[in-house]
Amino acid sequence: MDERPFDEPWQARIFAIVTAMHGDGRYAWREFQELLIDEIAARGEADGSDYYERWLAAAERLVTALGMSGQDELARRREHLADHAPHPTTAPPGPLSVEPPRRAREKAS
């Protein structure tokens, strides 16, 4: 399986949030796929270097469309995060990868 590593912790977090929302039944996966495809087509870099920025933009559009947050709230959160450094992490530097969920590992055994 070709896995795309995460270069930054925020990339792993947004990936986890979007997949958890789907796992909770909040939306059909195709809804997010269509938003991500649209984001990449409209604003994506040709080399794919901004893949997770596009993922984040699609996620923001999704939570807005689902009524989970408004544009104003997202803007306030962006501003807050820009003004506050992230908490230190104990993760080793370098690309991150996510292991399959425990349920998936248990089913495979």
N, C-alpha and C. Protein backbone atom coordinates (compact mmCIF):
# COMPACT_ATOMS: atom_id res chain seq x y z
N MET A 1 0.85 -1.17 0.00
CA MET A 1 0.00 0.00 0.00
C MET A 1 0.90 1.24 0.00
N ASP A 2 0.60 2.20 -0.86
CA ASP A 2 1.35 3.44 -0.95
C ASP A 2 0.77 4.42 0.06
N GLU A 3 1.54 4.67 1.14
CA GLU A 3 1.06 5.57 2.18
C GLU A 3 1.67 6.94 2.00
N ARG A 4 0.87 7.97 2.17
CA ARG A 4 1.36 9.34 2.11
C ARG A 4 1.66 9.77 3.54
N PRO A 5 2.94 10.04 3.84
CA PRO A 5 3.26 10.45 5.20
C PRO A 5 2.79 11.87 5.48
N PHE A 6 2.68 12.18 6.74
CA PHE A 6 2.34 13.54 7.17
C PHE A 6 3.63 14.25 7.51
N ASP A 7 3.80 15.45 7.00
CA ASP A 7 5.01 16.22 7.28
C ASP A 7 4.88 17.04 8.56
N GLU A 8 3.66 17.32 8.97
CA GLU A 8 3.41 18.15 10.15
C GLU A 8 2.30 17.51 10.99
N PRO A 9 2.33 17.68 12.31
CA PRO A 9 1.28 17.11 13.16
C PRO A 9 -0.13 17.57 12.77
N TRP A 10 -0.30 18.84 12.34
CA TRP A 10 -1.63 19.32 11.99
C TRP A 10 -2.23 18.53 10.83
N GLN A 11 -1.37 18.03 9.95
CA GLN A 11 -1.86 17.25 8.81
C GLN A 11 -2.48 15.94 9.29
N ALA A 12 -1.83 15.29 10.22
CA ALA A 12 -2.37 14.06 10.79
C ALA A 12 -3.67 14.34 11.54
N ARG A 13 -3.72 15.48 12.23
CA ARG A 13 -4.92 15.82 12.99
C ARG A 13 -6.12 16.06 12.09
N ILE A 14 -5.93 16.84 11.02
CA ILE A 14 -7.09 17.12 10.15
C ILE A 14 -7.52 15.84 9.44
N PHE A 15 -6.58 15.00 9.08
CA PHE A 15 -6.92 13.71 8.48
C PHE A 15 -7.76 12.89 9.46
N ALA A 16 -7.32 12.85 10.71
CA ALA A 16 -8.04 12.07 11.72
C ALA A 16 -9.43 12.64 11.99
N ILE A 17 -9.55 13.95 12.04
CA ILE A 17 -10.86 14.57 12.29
C ILE A 17 -11.84 14.24 11.18
N VAL A 18 -11.40 14.39 9.95
CA VAL A 18 -12.29 14.13 8.80
C VAL A 18 -12.70 12.66 8.76
N THR A 19 -11.76 11.76 8.97
CA THR A 19 -12.11 10.34 8.92
C THR A 19 -12.97 9.94 10.11
N ALA A 20 -12.74 10.54 11.29
CA ALA A 20 -13.58 10.23 12.46
C ALA A 20 -15.01 10.72 12.24
N MET A 21 -15.17 11.90 11.65
CA MET A 21 -16.51 12.41 11.36
C MET A 21 -17.24 11.46 10.41
N HIS A 22 -16.53 10.95 9.44
CA HIS A 22 -17.15 9.98 8.52
C HIS A 22 -17.50 8.69 9.27
N GLY A 23 -16.56 8.24 10.10
CA GLY A 23 -16.80 7.02 10.88
C GLY A 23 -17.99 7.16 11.81
N ASP A 24 -18.26 8.38 12.28
CA ASP A 24 -19.41 8.64 13.14
C ASP A 24 -20.71 8.79 12.35
N GLY A 25 -20.62 8.69 11.02
CA GLY A 25 -21.82 8.80 10.19
C GLY A 25 -22.29 10.22 9.95
N ARG A 26 -21.43 11.20 10.14
CA ARG A 26 -21.84 12.60 9.96
C ARG A 26 -21.99 12.99 8.50
N TYR A 27 -21.35 12.26 7.60
CA TYR A 27 -21.45 12.55 6.17
C TYR A 27 -21.04 11.33 5.37
N ALA A 28 -21.43 11.30 4.11
CA ALA A 28 -21.00 10.24 3.19
C ALA A 28 -19.62 10.60 2.65
N TRP A 29 -18.73 9.63 2.57
CA TRP A 29 -17.35 9.89 2.14
C TRP A 29 -17.30 10.62 0.80
N ARG A 30 -18.22 10.30 -0.08
CA ARG A 30 -18.23 10.93 -1.40
C ARG A 30 -18.38 12.46 -1.29
N GLU A 31 -19.12 12.93 -0.28
CA GLU A 31 -19.27 14.37 -0.08
C GLU A 31 -17.91 15.04 0.10
N PHE A 32 -17.09 14.44 0.96
CA PHE A 32 -15.77 15.01 1.19
C PHE A 32 -14.89 14.86 -0.05
N GLN A 33 -14.96 13.71 -0.69
CA GLN A 33 -14.15 13.50 -1.90
C GLN A 33 -14.42 14.59 -2.93
N GLU A 34 -15.69 14.89 -3.14
CA GLU A 34 -16.04 15.91 -4.13
C GLU A 34 -15.49 17.28 -3.75
N LEU A 35 -15.55 17.63 -2.46
CA LEU A 35 -14.98 18.90 -2.01
C LEU A 35 -13.47 18.93 -2.19
N LEU A 36 -12.81 17.82 -1.88
CA LEU A 36 -11.36 17.74 -2.02
C LEU A 36 -10.95 17.83 -3.49
N ILE A 37 -11.66 17.12 -4.34
CA ILE A 37 -11.38 17.19 -5.78
C ILE A 37 -11.54 18.61 -6.28
N ASP A 38 -12.60 19.28 -5.84
CA ASP A 38 -12.84 20.66 -6.25
C ASP A 38 -11.72 21.58 -5.76
N GLU A 39 -11.31 21.42 -4.51
CA GLU A 39 -10.23 22.24 -3.95
C GLU A 39 -8.93 22.04 -4.72
N ILE A 40 -8.59 20.81 -5.02
CA ILE A 40 -7.35 20.53 -5.75
C ILE A 40 -7.42 21.11 -7.16
N ALA A 41 -8.56 20.92 -7.82
CA ALA A 41 -8.72 21.44 -9.19
C ALA A 41 -8.67 22.96 -9.22
N ALA A 42 -9.27 23.62 -8.23
CA ALA A 42 -9.37 25.08 -8.24
C ALA A 42 -8.11 25.77 -7.72
N ARG A 43 -7.46 25.18 -6.71
CA ARG A 43 -6.37 25.89 -6.05
C ARG A 43 -5.12 25.06 -5.83
N GLY A 44 -5.13 23.81 -6.22
CA GLY A 44 -4.01 22.92 -5.92
C GLY A 44 -2.76 23.20 -6.73
N GLU A 45 -1.62 22.99 -6.10
CA GLU A 45 -0.33 23.10 -6.79
C GLU A 45 -0.16 21.90 -7.71
N ALA A 46 0.45 22.11 -8.86
CA ALA A 46 0.64 21.05 -9.85
C ALA A 46 1.42 19.87 -9.28
N ASP A 47 2.36 20.14 -8.37
CA ASP A 47 3.18 19.07 -7.82
C ASP A 47 2.55 18.40 -6.59
N GLY A 48 1.37 18.87 -6.19
CA GLY A 48 0.67 18.29 -5.05
C GLY A 48 1.25 18.66 -3.70
N SER A 49 2.17 19.62 -3.67
CA SER A 49 2.84 20.00 -2.42
C SER A 49 1.90 20.60 -1.38
N ASP A 50 0.74 21.04 -1.81
CA ASP A 50 -0.22 21.65 -0.88
C ASP A 50 -1.41 20.73 -0.62
N TYR A 51 -1.19 19.43 -0.76
CA TYR A 51 -2.27 18.45 -0.62
C TYR A 51 -3.04 18.62 0.68
N TYR A 52 -2.34 18.74 1.80
CA TYR A 52 -3.05 18.83 3.08
C TYR A 52 -3.66 20.20 3.31
N GLU A 53 -3.13 21.23 2.68
CA GLU A 53 -3.80 22.52 2.72
C GLU A 53 -5.15 22.42 2.00
N ARG A 54 -5.18 21.69 0.90
CA ARG A 54 -6.43 21.47 0.17
C ARG A 54 -7.36 20.60 1.00
N TRP A 55 -6.81 19.59 1.69
CA TRP A 55 -7.59 18.72 2.58
C TRP A 55 -8.24 19.58 3.67
N LEU A 56 -7.47 20.49 4.27
CA LEU A 56 -7.99 21.37 5.31
C LEU A 56 -9.09 22.27 4.76
N ALA A 57 -8.87 22.85 3.58
CA ALA A 57 -9.89 23.72 2.98
C ALA A 57 -11.17 22.94 2.70
N ALA A 58 -11.04 21.72 2.21
CA ALA A 58 -12.22 20.88 1.96
C ALA A 58 -12.92 20.54 3.27
N ALA A 59 -12.15 20.29 4.32
CA ALA A 59 -12.74 19.98 5.63
C ALA A 59 -13.50 21.18 6.17
N GLU A 60 -12.93 22.37 6.00
CA GLU A 60 -13.63 23.58 6.45
C GLU A 60 -14.94 23.76 5.68
N ARG A 61 -14.91 23.53 4.40
CA ARG A 61 -16.14 23.62 3.60
C ARG A 61 -17.16 22.59 4.07
N LEU A 62 -16.69 21.39 4.40
CA LEU A 62 -17.58 20.33 4.86
C LEU A 62 -18.26 20.69 6.17
N VAL A 63 -17.49 21.13 7.17
CA VAL A 63 -18.11 21.45 8.46
C VAL A 63 -19.06 22.64 8.34
N THR A 64 -18.76 23.55 7.43
CA THR A 64 -19.67 24.67 7.18
C THR A 64 -20.96 24.18 6.53
N ALA A 65 -20.82 23.33 5.51
CA ALA A 65 -22.00 22.79 4.82
C ALA A 65 -22.87 21.95 5.74
N LEU A 66 -22.25 21.26 6.68
CA LEU A 66 -23.00 20.43 7.63
C LEU A 66 -23.60 21.25 8.77
N GLY A 67 -23.29 22.54 8.82
CA GLY A 67 -23.81 23.39 9.88
C GLY A 67 -23.11 23.19 11.21
N MET A 68 -21.94 22.59 11.20
CA MET A 68 -21.19 22.34 12.43
C MET A 68 -20.42 23.58 12.88
N SER A 69 -20.16 24.48 11.95
CA SER A 69 -19.45 25.72 12.25
C SER A 69 -19.75 26.70 11.13
N GLY A 70 -19.70 27.97 11.45
CA GLY A 70 -19.87 28.99 10.44
C GLY A 70 -18.53 29.56 10.02
N GLN A 71 -18.53 30.33 8.94
CA GLN A 71 -17.30 30.95 8.46
C GLN A 71 -16.68 31.86 9.52
N ASP A 72 -17.52 32.60 10.25
CA ASP A 72 -17.00 33.51 11.28
C ASP A 72 -16.26 32.75 12.37
N GLU A 73 -16.83 31.64 12.81
CA GLU A 73 -16.19 30.83 13.84
C GLU A 73 -14.86 30.25 13.33
N LEU A 74 -14.85 29.77 12.11
CA LEU A 74 -13.60 29.25 11.54
C LEU A 74 -12.54 30.36 11.47
N ALA A 75 -12.95 31.55 11.08
CA ALA A 75 -12.01 32.68 11.00
C ALA A 75 -11.46 33.02 12.39
N ARG A 76 -12.33 33.00 13.40
CA ARG A 76 -11.87 33.27 14.77
C ARG A 76 -10.86 32.22 15.22
N ARG A 77 -11.13 30.97 14.89
CA ARG A 77 -10.21 29.89 15.29
C ARG A 77 -8.87 30.01 14.56
N ARG A 78 -8.90 30.35 13.26
CA ARG A 78 -7.67 30.56 12.51
C ARG A 78 -6.83 31.67 13.15
N GLU A 79 -7.50 32.76 13.49
CA GLU A 79 -6.82 33.90 14.11
C GLU A 79 -6.20 33.50 15.44
N HIS A 80 -6.97 32.78 16.25
CA HIS A 80 -6.47 32.32 17.54
C HIS A 80 -5.24 31.44 17.35
N LEU A 81 -5.32 30.49 16.44
CA LEU A 81 -4.18 29.59 16.21
C LEU A 81 -2.96 30.33 15.68
N ALA A 82 -3.19 31.35 14.86
CA ALA A 82 -2.07 32.14 14.33
C ALA A 82 -1.38 32.92 15.44
N ASP A 83 -2.12 33.29 16.49
CA ASP A 83 -1.57 34.07 17.59
C ASP A 83 -1.01 33.22 18.73
N HIS A 84 -1.25 31.93 18.69
CA HIS A 84 -0.81 31.05 19.78
C HIS A 84 -0.02 29.89 19.21
N ALA A 85 1.21 29.80 19.63
CA ALA A 85 2.07 28.70 19.15
C ALA A 85 1.49 27.37 19.60
N PRO A 86 1.67 26.33 18.79
CA PRO A 86 1.17 25.01 19.20
C PRO A 86 1.92 24.49 20.42
N HIS A 87 1.28 23.63 21.16
CA HIS A 87 1.92 23.01 22.32
C HIS A 87 3.07 22.15 21.83
N PRO A 88 4.13 22.07 22.61
CA PRO A 88 5.24 21.22 22.21
C PRO A 88 4.77 19.77 22.08
N THR A 89 5.41 19.05 21.21
CA THR A 89 5.05 17.66 21.01
C THR A 89 6.23 16.78 21.38
N THR A 90 5.95 15.58 21.77
CA THR A 90 7.01 14.63 22.07
C THR A 90 7.28 13.74 20.87
N ALA A 91 6.55 13.99 19.78
CA ALA A 91 6.75 13.18 18.58
C ALA A 91 8.13 13.46 18.00
N PRO A 92 8.77 12.42 17.47
CA PRO A 92 10.07 12.65 16.85
C PRO A 92 9.91 13.52 15.60
N PRO A 93 10.93 14.30 15.27
CA PRO A 93 10.82 15.14 14.07
C PRO A 93 10.75 14.29 12.82
N GLY A 94 10.20 14.85 11.77
CA GLY A 94 10.12 14.15 10.50
C GLY A 94 8.70 13.76 10.16
N PRO A 95 8.54 13.14 8.99
CA PRO A 95 7.20 12.76 8.55
C PRO A 95 6.52 11.82 9.54
N LEU A 96 5.22 11.96 9.66
CA LEU A 96 4.41 11.13 10.54
C LEU A 96 3.59 10.17 9.70
N SER A 97 3.25 9.04 10.24
CA SER A 97 2.30 8.16 9.58
C SER A 97 1.31 7.69 10.64
N VAL A 98 0.15 7.29 10.19
CA VAL A 98 -0.91 6.88 11.09
C VAL A 98 -1.12 5.39 10.93
N GLU A 99 -1.14 4.69 12.06
CA GLU A 99 -1.41 3.27 12.02
C GLU A 99 -2.90 3.05 11.82
N PRO A 100 -3.27 1.89 11.27
CA PRO A 100 -4.71 1.61 11.13
C PRO A 100 -5.37 1.63 12.50
N PRO A 101 -6.65 1.99 12.55
CA PRO A 101 -7.35 1.98 13.84
C PRO A 101 -7.28 0.60 14.48
N ARG A 102 -7.33 0.58 15.79
CA ARG A 102 -7.23 -0.66 16.53
C ARG A 102 -8.26 -1.69 16.05
N ARG A 103 -9.49 -1.24 15.78
CA ARG A 103 -10.53 -2.16 15.31
C ARG A 103 -10.11 -2.84 14.02
N ALA A 104 -9.50 -2.08 13.11
CA ALA A 104 -9.08 -2.63 11.82
C ALA A 104 -7.96 -3.65 12.04
N ARG A 105 -7.04 -3.35 12.96
CA ARG A 105 -5.94 -4.29 13.24
C ARG A 105 -6.48 -5.57 13.86
N GLU A 106 -7.46 -5.44 14.76
CA GLU A 106 -8.02 -6.62 15.42
C GLU A 106 -8.78 -7.49 14.44
N LYS A 107 -9.51 -6.87 13.51
CA LYS A 107 -10.24 -7.64 12.50
C LYS A 107 -9.30 -8.38 11.57
N ALA A 108 -8.14 -7.78 11.28
CA ALA A 108 -7.18 -8.39 10.37
C ALA A 108 -6.49 -9.59 11.00
N SER A 109 -6.45 -9.64 12.35
CA SER A 109 -5.75 -10.75 13.01
C SER A 109 -6.56 -12.01 13.04
